N, C-alpha and C. Protein backbone atom coordinates (compact mmCIF):
# COMPACT_ATOMS: atom_id res chain seq x y z
N MET A 1 -276.71 72.40 -13.81
CA MET A 1 -276.87 73.43 -12.79
C MET A 1 -277.30 72.76 -11.48
N GLU A 2 -276.40 72.73 -10.51
CA GLU A 2 -276.67 72.07 -9.24
C GLU A 2 -276.60 73.07 -8.08
N LYS A 3 -277.00 74.31 -8.32
CA LYS A 3 -276.93 75.34 -7.29
C LYS A 3 -277.69 74.94 -6.03
N LEU A 4 -278.75 74.15 -6.18
CA LEU A 4 -279.58 73.77 -5.04
C LEU A 4 -279.40 72.30 -4.63
N LYS A 5 -278.28 71.70 -5.04
CA LYS A 5 -278.03 70.30 -4.66
C LYS A 5 -278.07 70.19 -3.14
N ASN A 6 -278.72 69.14 -2.65
CA ASN A 6 -278.89 68.88 -1.22
C ASN A 6 -279.83 69.86 -0.52
N LYS A 7 -280.58 70.64 -1.28
CA LYS A 7 -281.58 71.54 -0.70
C LYS A 7 -282.95 70.88 -0.83
N ARG A 8 -283.77 71.09 0.16
CA ARG A 8 -285.13 70.55 0.16
C ARG A 8 -286.09 71.71 0.40
N ILE A 9 -287.04 71.85 -0.51
CA ILE A 9 -287.95 72.99 -0.47
C ILE A 9 -289.39 72.49 -0.24
N ALA A 10 -290.07 73.10 0.71
CA ALA A 10 -291.46 72.79 1.00
C ALA A 10 -292.36 73.69 0.14
N ILE A 11 -293.40 73.10 -0.43
CA ILE A 11 -294.39 73.85 -1.21
C ILE A 11 -295.74 73.63 -0.53
N LEU A 12 -296.27 74.67 0.09
CA LEU A 12 -297.50 74.57 0.87
C LEU A 12 -298.70 75.00 0.03
N VAL A 13 -299.65 74.07 -0.17
CA VAL A 13 -300.84 74.38 -0.96
C VAL A 13 -302.07 73.65 -0.41
N ALA A 14 -303.22 74.21 -0.73
CA ALA A 14 -304.51 73.57 -0.50
C ALA A 14 -305.21 73.49 -1.85
N ASP A 15 -306.34 72.80 -1.91
CA ASP A 15 -307.10 72.76 -3.15
C ASP A 15 -307.36 74.18 -3.64
N GLY A 16 -307.20 74.36 -4.95
CA GLY A 16 -307.48 75.66 -5.56
C GLY A 16 -306.25 76.51 -5.82
N PHE A 17 -305.04 75.95 -5.68
CA PHE A 17 -303.84 76.72 -6.00
C PHE A 17 -303.77 76.92 -7.51
N GLU A 18 -303.13 77.99 -7.94
CA GLU A 18 -302.94 78.26 -9.36
C GLU A 18 -301.84 77.32 -9.87
N GLU A 19 -302.20 76.44 -10.78
CA GLU A 19 -301.32 75.37 -11.22
C GLU A 19 -299.93 75.83 -11.65
N ILE A 20 -299.85 76.81 -12.52
CA ILE A 20 -298.56 77.25 -13.05
C ILE A 20 -297.68 77.86 -11.96
N GLU A 21 -298.30 78.36 -10.89
CA GLU A 21 -297.54 78.95 -9.79
C GLU A 21 -296.93 77.88 -8.87
N LEU A 22 -297.33 76.64 -9.06
CA LEU A 22 -296.66 75.51 -8.42
C LEU A 22 -295.72 74.84 -9.40
N THR A 23 -296.22 74.52 -10.60
CA THR A 23 -295.43 73.71 -11.54
C THR A 23 -294.18 74.42 -12.05
N SER A 24 -294.27 75.70 -12.37
CA SER A 24 -293.11 76.41 -12.91
C SER A 24 -291.99 76.55 -11.88
N PRO A 25 -292.27 77.07 -10.66
CA PRO A 25 -291.20 77.14 -9.67
C PRO A 25 -290.68 75.76 -9.26
N LYS A 26 -291.57 74.78 -9.14
CA LYS A 26 -291.16 73.42 -8.76
C LYS A 26 -290.17 72.87 -9.78
N GLU A 27 -290.49 73.02 -11.06
CA GLU A 27 -289.59 72.56 -12.11
C GLU A 27 -288.25 73.30 -12.07
N ALA A 28 -288.31 74.61 -11.89
CA ALA A 28 -287.08 75.40 -11.84
C ALA A 28 -286.21 74.98 -10.65
N LEU A 29 -286.83 74.77 -9.50
CA LEU A 29 -286.09 74.34 -8.32
C LEU A 29 -285.46 72.96 -8.52
N GLU A 30 -286.24 72.04 -9.07
CA GLU A 30 -285.72 70.69 -9.31
C GLU A 30 -284.62 70.69 -10.37
N ASN A 31 -284.76 71.52 -11.39
CA ASN A 31 -283.71 71.64 -12.40
C ASN A 31 -282.42 72.21 -11.82
N ALA A 32 -282.55 72.98 -10.73
CA ALA A 32 -281.38 73.54 -10.05
C ALA A 32 -280.83 72.57 -9.00
N GLY A 33 -281.44 71.38 -8.89
CA GLY A 33 -280.91 70.35 -8.01
C GLY A 33 -281.67 70.12 -6.72
N ALA A 34 -282.69 70.92 -6.43
CA ALA A 34 -283.45 70.78 -5.18
C ALA A 34 -284.42 69.61 -5.22
N LYS A 35 -284.73 69.13 -4.05
CA LYS A 35 -285.84 68.19 -3.88
C LYS A 35 -287.00 69.03 -3.37
N THR A 36 -288.20 68.80 -3.92
CA THR A 36 -289.37 69.56 -3.48
C THR A 36 -290.41 68.60 -2.92
N ASP A 37 -291.15 69.07 -1.93
CA ASP A 37 -292.26 68.32 -1.36
C ASP A 37 -293.51 69.19 -1.37
N ILE A 38 -294.59 68.63 -1.89
CA ILE A 38 -295.88 69.29 -1.79
C ILE A 38 -296.47 68.93 -0.44
N ILE A 39 -296.74 69.95 0.35
CA ILE A 39 -297.33 69.80 1.68
C ILE A 39 -298.74 70.37 1.61
N SER A 40 -299.70 69.64 2.18
CA SER A 40 -301.08 70.08 2.10
C SER A 40 -301.92 69.49 3.22
N PRO A 41 -302.98 70.23 3.60
CA PRO A 41 -303.95 69.63 4.51
C PRO A 41 -304.83 68.62 3.79
N ALA A 42 -304.83 68.65 2.46
CA ALA A 42 -305.61 67.69 1.67
C ALA A 42 -304.99 66.30 1.83
N GLU A 43 -305.82 65.29 1.82
CA GLU A 43 -305.33 63.93 1.98
C GLU A 43 -305.04 63.28 0.64
N GLY A 44 -303.79 62.84 0.46
CA GLY A 44 -303.42 62.08 -0.72
C GLY A 44 -303.14 62.88 -1.97
N LYS A 45 -304.03 63.79 -2.31
CA LYS A 45 -303.85 64.61 -3.50
C LYS A 45 -304.48 65.98 -3.28
N VAL A 46 -303.98 66.92 -4.06
CA VAL A 46 -304.46 68.30 -3.96
C VAL A 46 -304.77 68.77 -5.38
N ARG A 47 -305.84 69.53 -5.52
CA ARG A 47 -306.33 69.89 -6.85
C ARG A 47 -306.00 71.34 -7.22
N SER A 48 -305.53 71.51 -8.43
CA SER A 48 -305.15 72.83 -8.92
C SER A 48 -306.27 73.47 -9.73
N LYS A 49 -306.08 74.76 -9.95
CA LYS A 49 -306.93 75.50 -10.88
C LYS A 49 -306.01 76.11 -11.94
N SER A 50 -306.55 76.25 -13.12
CA SER A 50 -305.86 76.96 -14.19
C SER A 50 -306.80 78.09 -14.57
N GLY A 51 -306.50 79.28 -14.05
CA GLY A 51 -307.44 80.39 -14.22
C GLY A 51 -308.71 80.09 -13.44
N ASP A 52 -309.85 80.15 -14.11
CA ASP A 52 -311.13 79.91 -13.44
C ASP A 52 -311.57 78.45 -13.46
N GLU A 53 -310.80 77.60 -14.13
CA GLU A 53 -311.20 76.19 -14.30
C GLU A 53 -310.40 75.28 -13.37
N TRP A 54 -311.08 74.26 -12.81
CA TRP A 54 -310.38 73.23 -12.07
C TRP A 54 -309.50 72.47 -13.06
N SER A 55 -308.33 72.06 -12.62
CA SER A 55 -307.38 71.43 -13.51
C SER A 55 -306.99 70.04 -13.00
N LYS A 56 -305.71 69.85 -12.67
CA LYS A 56 -305.18 68.53 -12.34
C LYS A 56 -305.06 68.31 -10.84
N ASP A 57 -304.96 67.02 -10.48
CA ASP A 57 -304.65 66.63 -9.12
C ASP A 57 -303.15 66.36 -9.03
N TYR A 58 -302.56 66.74 -7.91
CA TYR A 58 -301.14 66.51 -7.66
C TYR A 58 -301.00 65.72 -6.36
N PRO A 59 -300.07 64.76 -6.33
CA PRO A 59 -299.90 63.98 -5.10
C PRO A 59 -299.32 64.83 -3.97
N VAL A 60 -299.85 64.62 -2.79
CA VAL A 60 -299.32 65.28 -1.59
C VAL A 60 -298.18 64.42 -1.08
N ASP A 61 -297.01 65.03 -0.94
CA ASP A 61 -295.83 64.31 -0.46
C ASP A 61 -295.81 64.19 1.06
N VAL A 62 -296.25 65.26 1.73
CA VAL A 62 -296.24 65.30 3.19
C VAL A 62 -297.54 65.94 3.66
N ALA A 63 -298.23 65.27 4.57
CA ALA A 63 -299.44 65.85 5.15
C ALA A 63 -299.04 67.05 6.01
N LEU A 64 -299.83 68.12 5.96
CA LEU A 64 -299.51 69.34 6.69
C LEU A 64 -299.25 69.05 8.17
N GLN A 65 -300.07 68.25 8.80
CA GLN A 65 -299.90 67.98 10.23
C GLN A 65 -298.61 67.23 10.54
N GLU A 66 -297.97 66.65 9.53
CA GLU A 66 -296.71 65.93 9.73
C GLU A 66 -295.48 66.73 9.26
N ALA A 67 -295.71 67.87 8.63
CA ALA A 67 -294.61 68.67 8.09
C ALA A 67 -293.82 69.34 9.22
N GLU A 68 -292.50 69.31 9.07
CA GLU A 68 -291.62 69.94 10.06
C GLU A 68 -290.64 70.86 9.34
N GLU A 69 -290.58 72.08 9.77
CA GLU A 69 -289.71 73.08 9.16
C GLU A 69 -288.26 72.62 9.11
N ASN A 70 -287.81 71.90 10.13
CA ASN A 70 -286.39 71.53 10.20
C ASN A 70 -285.97 70.55 9.11
N GLN A 71 -286.90 70.05 8.33
CA GLN A 71 -286.60 69.16 7.21
C GLN A 71 -286.33 69.92 5.91
N TYR A 72 -286.49 71.27 5.94
CA TYR A 72 -286.47 72.06 4.71
C TYR A 72 -285.54 73.25 4.80
N ASP A 73 -285.13 73.70 3.60
CA ASP A 73 -284.27 74.88 3.49
C ASP A 73 -285.03 76.14 3.09
N GLY A 74 -286.28 75.99 2.66
CA GLY A 74 -287.07 77.13 2.25
C GLY A 74 -288.51 76.72 2.02
N LEU A 75 -289.39 77.73 1.88
CA LEU A 75 -290.82 77.51 1.74
C LEU A 75 -291.35 78.30 0.55
N LEU A 76 -292.16 77.65 -0.28
CA LEU A 76 -292.80 78.27 -1.43
C LEU A 76 -294.31 78.28 -1.20
N LEU A 77 -294.92 79.46 -1.42
CA LEU A 77 -296.37 79.63 -1.26
C LEU A 77 -296.97 80.07 -2.58
N PRO A 78 -297.44 79.12 -3.40
CA PRO A 78 -298.14 79.49 -4.64
C PRO A 78 -299.44 80.23 -4.31
N GLY A 79 -299.96 80.91 -5.32
CA GLY A 79 -301.20 81.65 -5.12
C GLY A 79 -302.42 80.93 -5.64
N GLY A 80 -303.24 81.70 -6.33
CA GLY A 80 -304.58 81.26 -6.66
C GLY A 80 -305.50 81.92 -5.65
N VAL A 81 -306.73 82.12 -5.99
CA VAL A 81 -307.65 82.81 -5.09
C VAL A 81 -308.07 81.91 -3.92
N ILE A 82 -308.39 80.66 -4.21
CA ILE A 82 -308.95 79.76 -3.20
C ILE A 82 -307.89 79.25 -2.23
N ASN A 83 -306.74 78.85 -2.74
CA ASN A 83 -305.67 78.24 -1.97
C ASN A 83 -305.28 79.05 -0.72
N PRO A 84 -304.83 80.30 -0.85
CA PRO A 84 -304.43 81.03 0.36
C PRO A 84 -305.61 81.33 1.27
N ASP A 85 -306.80 81.46 0.69
CA ASP A 85 -307.97 81.72 1.52
C ASP A 85 -308.25 80.53 2.44
N LYS A 86 -308.04 79.32 1.94
CA LYS A 86 -308.21 78.12 2.77
C LYS A 86 -307.10 78.02 3.81
N LEU A 87 -305.87 78.30 3.42
CA LEU A 87 -304.74 78.09 4.31
C LEU A 87 -304.58 79.17 5.37
N ARG A 88 -305.02 80.39 5.09
CA ARG A 88 -304.72 81.47 6.04
C ARG A 88 -305.46 81.36 7.36
N THR A 89 -306.53 80.56 7.42
CA THR A 89 -307.20 80.34 8.70
C THR A 89 -306.85 78.98 9.30
N ASN A 90 -305.91 78.28 8.68
CA ASN A 90 -305.46 76.99 9.17
C ASN A 90 -304.29 77.23 10.13
N LYS A 91 -304.52 77.02 11.40
CA LYS A 91 -303.51 77.31 12.42
C LYS A 91 -302.20 76.53 12.20
N THR A 92 -302.31 75.30 11.71
CA THR A 92 -301.11 74.50 11.46
C THR A 92 -300.29 75.09 10.31
N ALA A 93 -300.97 75.56 9.27
CA ALA A 93 -300.28 76.19 8.14
C ALA A 93 -299.56 77.46 8.58
N ILE A 94 -300.24 78.29 9.35
CA ILE A 94 -299.63 79.54 9.82
C ILE A 94 -298.46 79.24 10.76
N ALA A 95 -298.61 78.23 11.60
CA ALA A 95 -297.51 77.85 12.50
C ALA A 95 -296.29 77.38 11.70
N LEU A 96 -296.52 76.64 10.62
CA LEU A 96 -295.41 76.18 9.78
C LEU A 96 -294.71 77.37 9.13
N ILE A 97 -295.47 78.29 8.59
CA ILE A 97 -294.88 79.49 7.98
C ILE A 97 -294.05 80.24 9.02
N ASN A 98 -294.60 80.42 10.22
CA ASN A 98 -293.86 81.13 11.27
C ASN A 98 -292.60 80.37 11.69
N ALA A 99 -292.64 79.05 11.65
CA ALA A 99 -291.44 78.28 11.99
C ALA A 99 -290.31 78.55 11.01
N PHE A 100 -290.64 78.65 9.72
CA PHE A 100 -289.61 79.00 8.72
C PHE A 100 -289.04 80.38 9.03
N TRP A 101 -289.91 81.33 9.32
CA TRP A 101 -289.48 82.70 9.61
C TRP A 101 -288.57 82.74 10.83
N GLU A 102 -288.99 82.07 11.89
CA GLU A 102 -288.21 82.08 13.14
C GLU A 102 -286.84 81.44 12.97
N ARG A 103 -286.70 80.52 12.01
CA ARG A 103 -285.42 79.85 11.77
C ARG A 103 -284.62 80.55 10.66
N ASP A 104 -285.08 81.73 10.27
CA ASP A 104 -284.38 82.57 9.29
C ASP A 104 -284.24 81.88 7.93
N LYS A 105 -285.29 81.15 7.53
CA LYS A 105 -285.30 80.47 6.23
C LYS A 105 -286.15 81.27 5.25
N PRO A 106 -285.75 81.30 3.98
CA PRO A 106 -286.48 82.10 3.00
C PRO A 106 -287.89 81.56 2.74
N ILE A 107 -288.79 82.52 2.54
CA ILE A 107 -290.19 82.22 2.22
C ILE A 107 -290.51 82.99 0.94
N ALA A 108 -290.99 82.26 -0.07
CA ALA A 108 -291.34 82.86 -1.36
C ALA A 108 -292.84 82.73 -1.58
N ALA A 109 -293.48 83.81 -2.01
CA ALA A 109 -294.92 83.81 -2.24
C ALA A 109 -295.23 84.58 -3.51
N ILE A 110 -296.17 84.05 -4.29
CA ILE A 110 -296.54 84.69 -5.56
C ILE A 110 -298.05 84.87 -5.62
N CYS A 111 -298.46 85.92 -6.32
CA CYS A 111 -299.85 86.20 -6.63
C CYS A 111 -300.65 86.47 -5.35
N HIS A 112 -301.61 85.61 -5.01
CA HIS A 112 -302.38 85.74 -3.78
C HIS A 112 -301.67 85.10 -2.58
N GLY A 113 -300.56 84.41 -2.82
CA GLY A 113 -299.81 83.75 -1.75
C GLY A 113 -299.44 84.66 -0.59
N PRO A 114 -299.10 85.94 -0.82
CA PRO A 114 -298.77 86.81 0.30
C PRO A 114 -299.90 87.01 1.32
N GLN A 115 -301.13 86.61 0.99
CA GLN A 115 -302.20 86.66 2.00
C GLN A 115 -301.82 85.83 3.21
N LEU A 116 -301.11 84.73 2.98
CA LEU A 116 -300.68 83.89 4.10
C LEU A 116 -299.68 84.63 4.99
N LEU A 117 -298.87 85.48 4.38
CA LEU A 117 -297.90 86.26 5.15
C LEU A 117 -298.59 87.28 6.04
N ILE A 118 -299.75 87.78 5.61
CA ILE A 118 -300.53 88.70 6.44
C ILE A 118 -300.97 87.96 7.70
N ASN A 119 -301.58 86.80 7.54
CA ASN A 119 -302.09 86.06 8.70
C ASN A 119 -300.97 85.55 9.59
N ALA A 120 -299.78 85.34 9.02
CA ALA A 120 -298.62 84.94 9.82
C ALA A 120 -297.95 86.16 10.47
N ASP A 121 -298.49 87.35 10.22
CA ASP A 121 -297.99 88.60 10.78
C ASP A 121 -296.53 88.86 10.41
N LEU A 122 -296.22 88.67 9.11
CA LEU A 122 -294.85 88.83 8.65
C LEU A 122 -294.65 89.99 7.68
N VAL A 123 -295.67 90.79 7.41
CA VAL A 123 -295.53 91.80 6.35
C VAL A 123 -295.26 93.21 6.85
N ARG A 124 -295.48 93.49 8.12
CA ARG A 124 -295.31 94.86 8.62
C ARG A 124 -293.90 95.37 8.35
N ASP A 125 -293.85 96.53 7.68
CA ASP A 125 -292.59 97.20 7.34
C ASP A 125 -291.70 96.41 6.38
N LYS A 126 -292.27 95.44 5.68
CA LYS A 126 -291.53 94.66 4.68
C LYS A 126 -291.94 95.10 3.28
N LYS A 127 -290.95 95.18 2.38
CA LYS A 127 -291.25 95.45 0.98
C LYS A 127 -291.83 94.18 0.38
N ILE A 128 -293.00 94.31 -0.25
CA ILE A 128 -293.74 93.16 -0.76
C ILE A 128 -294.39 93.55 -2.08
N THR A 129 -294.56 92.57 -2.95
CA THR A 129 -295.42 92.74 -4.11
C THR A 129 -296.41 91.58 -4.13
N SER A 130 -297.41 91.70 -4.97
CA SER A 130 -298.46 90.67 -5.06
C SER A 130 -299.30 90.99 -6.28
N VAL A 131 -300.29 90.15 -6.50
CA VAL A 131 -301.30 90.46 -7.49
C VAL A 131 -302.03 91.73 -7.02
N GLU A 132 -302.43 92.54 -7.96
CA GLU A 132 -303.08 93.82 -7.66
C GLU A 132 -304.28 93.65 -6.71
N ALA A 133 -305.02 92.57 -6.84
CA ALA A 133 -306.26 92.37 -6.08
C ALA A 133 -306.06 92.40 -4.57
N ILE A 134 -304.86 92.09 -4.08
CA ILE A 134 -304.66 92.07 -2.63
C ILE A 134 -303.69 93.14 -2.14
N HIS A 135 -303.32 94.06 -3.00
CA HIS A 135 -302.32 95.04 -2.57
C HIS A 135 -302.82 95.92 -1.43
N ILE A 136 -304.10 96.26 -1.40
CA ILE A 136 -304.65 97.08 -0.31
C ILE A 136 -304.62 96.27 1.00
N ASP A 137 -304.91 94.97 0.93
CA ASP A 137 -304.83 94.12 2.13
C ASP A 137 -303.42 94.15 2.71
N LEU A 138 -302.43 94.06 1.85
CA LEU A 138 -301.04 94.09 2.30
C LEU A 138 -300.67 95.44 2.90
N ILE A 139 -301.07 96.51 2.24
CA ILE A 139 -300.81 97.86 2.77
C ILE A 139 -301.48 98.03 4.13
N ASN A 140 -302.74 97.60 4.23
CA ASN A 140 -303.46 97.72 5.50
C ASN A 140 -302.82 96.89 6.61
N ALA A 141 -302.10 95.85 6.24
CA ALA A 141 -301.39 95.02 7.22
C ALA A 141 -300.00 95.57 7.53
N GLY A 142 -299.64 96.71 6.91
CA GLY A 142 -298.38 97.36 7.22
C GLY A 142 -297.26 97.11 6.22
N ALA A 143 -297.54 96.40 5.13
CA ALA A 143 -296.50 96.14 4.13
C ALA A 143 -296.18 97.40 3.34
N LEU A 144 -294.98 97.44 2.83
CA LEU A 144 -294.54 98.50 1.92
C LEU A 144 -294.68 97.93 0.52
N TRP A 145 -295.90 97.97 -0.02
CA TRP A 145 -296.22 97.31 -1.28
C TRP A 145 -295.64 98.08 -2.45
N GLU A 146 -295.11 97.34 -3.44
CA GLU A 146 -294.66 97.97 -4.67
C GLU A 146 -295.03 97.11 -5.86
N ASP A 147 -295.22 97.76 -6.98
CA ASP A 147 -295.63 97.09 -8.21
C ASP A 147 -294.38 96.72 -9.02
N SER A 148 -293.79 95.59 -8.67
CA SER A 148 -292.58 95.10 -9.34
C SER A 148 -292.74 93.61 -9.60
N GLU A 149 -292.03 93.10 -10.61
CA GLU A 149 -292.18 91.68 -10.93
C GLU A 149 -291.70 90.78 -9.80
N VAL A 150 -290.68 91.18 -9.08
CA VAL A 150 -290.18 90.45 -7.92
C VAL A 150 -289.67 91.46 -6.91
N VAL A 151 -289.96 91.21 -5.64
CA VAL A 151 -289.43 92.03 -4.56
C VAL A 151 -288.78 91.08 -3.55
N VAL A 152 -287.54 91.39 -3.20
CA VAL A 152 -286.82 90.62 -2.18
C VAL A 152 -286.56 91.56 -1.01
N ASP A 153 -287.05 91.20 0.16
CA ASP A 153 -286.79 91.95 1.38
C ASP A 153 -286.33 90.94 2.42
N ASP A 154 -285.02 90.93 2.63
CA ASP A 154 -284.41 89.97 3.55
C ASP A 154 -284.74 88.56 3.07
N LYS A 155 -285.49 87.80 3.84
CA LYS A 155 -285.78 86.41 3.47
C LYS A 155 -287.16 86.24 2.85
N LEU A 156 -287.87 87.33 2.56
CA LEU A 156 -289.15 87.25 1.87
C LEU A 156 -288.96 87.57 0.39
N ILE A 157 -289.44 86.68 -0.46
CA ILE A 157 -289.38 86.87 -1.91
C ILE A 157 -290.82 86.82 -2.41
N THR A 158 -291.27 87.91 -3.03
CA THR A 158 -292.66 87.95 -3.50
C THR A 158 -292.71 88.35 -4.97
N SER A 159 -293.79 87.94 -5.62
CA SER A 159 -293.98 88.23 -7.03
C SER A 159 -295.47 88.42 -7.31
N ARG A 160 -295.78 89.00 -8.48
CA ARG A 160 -297.15 89.40 -8.77
C ARG A 160 -298.01 88.31 -9.41
N THR A 161 -297.64 87.85 -10.59
CA THR A 161 -298.53 87.00 -11.39
C THR A 161 -297.72 85.98 -12.18
N PRO A 162 -298.39 85.03 -12.83
CA PRO A 162 -297.66 84.05 -13.65
C PRO A 162 -296.77 84.69 -14.72
N GLU A 163 -297.10 85.87 -15.19
CA GLU A 163 -296.25 86.54 -16.18
C GLU A 163 -294.87 86.84 -15.62
N ASP A 164 -294.76 86.93 -14.30
CA ASP A 164 -293.49 87.25 -13.64
C ASP A 164 -292.71 86.00 -13.22
N LEU A 165 -293.20 84.81 -13.57
CA LEU A 165 -292.55 83.57 -13.12
C LEU A 165 -291.07 83.45 -13.51
N PRO A 166 -290.64 83.86 -14.71
CA PRO A 166 -289.20 83.74 -14.99
C PRO A 166 -288.33 84.50 -13.97
N ALA A 167 -288.71 85.72 -13.64
CA ALA A 167 -287.95 86.51 -12.67
C ALA A 167 -288.10 85.92 -11.26
N PHE A 168 -289.30 85.48 -10.92
CA PHE A 168 -289.55 84.87 -9.60
C PHE A 168 -288.71 83.61 -9.44
N ASN A 169 -288.72 82.75 -10.44
CA ASN A 169 -287.95 81.50 -10.36
C ASN A 169 -286.47 81.78 -10.16
N LYS A 170 -285.94 82.74 -10.88
CA LYS A 170 -284.53 83.11 -10.74
C LYS A 170 -284.25 83.60 -9.31
N ALA A 171 -285.15 84.43 -8.79
CA ALA A 171 -284.96 84.99 -7.44
C ALA A 171 -285.05 83.93 -6.36
N ILE A 172 -285.97 82.97 -6.51
CA ILE A 172 -286.09 81.95 -5.46
C ILE A 172 -284.91 80.97 -5.50
N ILE A 173 -284.40 80.68 -6.67
CA ILE A 173 -283.22 79.81 -6.75
C ILE A 173 -282.05 80.48 -6.03
N LYS A 174 -281.88 81.77 -6.25
CA LYS A 174 -280.81 82.50 -5.56
C LYS A 174 -281.04 82.49 -4.05
N ALA A 175 -282.25 82.83 -3.62
CA ALA A 175 -282.55 82.90 -2.18
C ALA A 175 -282.42 81.55 -1.50
N PHE A 176 -282.97 80.51 -2.11
CA PHE A 176 -282.89 79.18 -1.51
C PHE A 176 -281.46 78.64 -1.55
N GLY A 177 -280.67 79.09 -2.50
CA GLY A 177 -279.28 78.68 -2.58
C GLY A 177 -278.40 79.35 -1.54
N ASP A 178 -278.86 80.48 -1.02
CA ASP A 178 -278.09 81.21 -0.02
C ASP A 178 -278.36 80.76 1.41
N THR A 179 -279.21 79.75 1.61
CA THR A 179 -279.61 79.35 2.95
C THR A 179 -278.45 78.81 3.78
N GLU A 180 -277.51 78.12 3.16
CA GLU A 180 -276.42 77.52 3.93
C GLU A 180 -275.61 78.60 4.64
N LYS A 181 -275.37 79.71 3.94
CA LYS A 181 -274.62 80.80 4.57
C LYS A 181 -275.36 81.33 5.79
N LYS A 182 -276.68 81.54 5.66
CA LYS A 182 -277.47 82.09 6.76
C LYS A 182 -277.56 81.10 7.92
N ASN A 183 -277.77 79.81 7.60
CA ASN A 183 -277.97 78.83 8.65
C ASN A 183 -276.68 78.50 9.40
N LYS A 184 -275.53 78.70 8.76
CA LYS A 184 -274.26 78.40 9.43
C LYS A 184 -273.72 79.61 10.18
N ALA A 185 -274.27 80.76 9.89
CA ALA A 185 -273.76 82.00 10.52
C ALA A 185 -274.11 82.06 11.99
């Protein structure tokens, strides 16, 4: 399966991301032929959580301050409670997210990841899903929140929890695979 051959996907995380929300989509994307880069403000490595416990360290491929949207075909925002809370006040992270949006590239977010979309001011009048804990935040920011395993609204792909990863992975492979049509149009 080479649906994503020659595609490069950015994965933006800070310490405290939910491990399975990075590893499962990353593996699915790579199995579909994509190259993935972990981008982080953390230096050298970034640490995951598995539920409430700290888990493994992952190598940072590209430092956040050096990341450029034009090197990528799409952006993945894993969740976890701590990760988006750290990134949503990081001006460089929000600027990177907005650069993807302005270039009409797909952005996928799962669990608490859509909190970043709030701070990037991308949720107003968009159909979105997320973990239950932040659904009021999304509604208050103008999102049209729904309780579904995956919601696709134009170039935003959102999902609720790790239980929804099979559907999320399928949706992001499709969305990231459709970038060539959008970028050439």
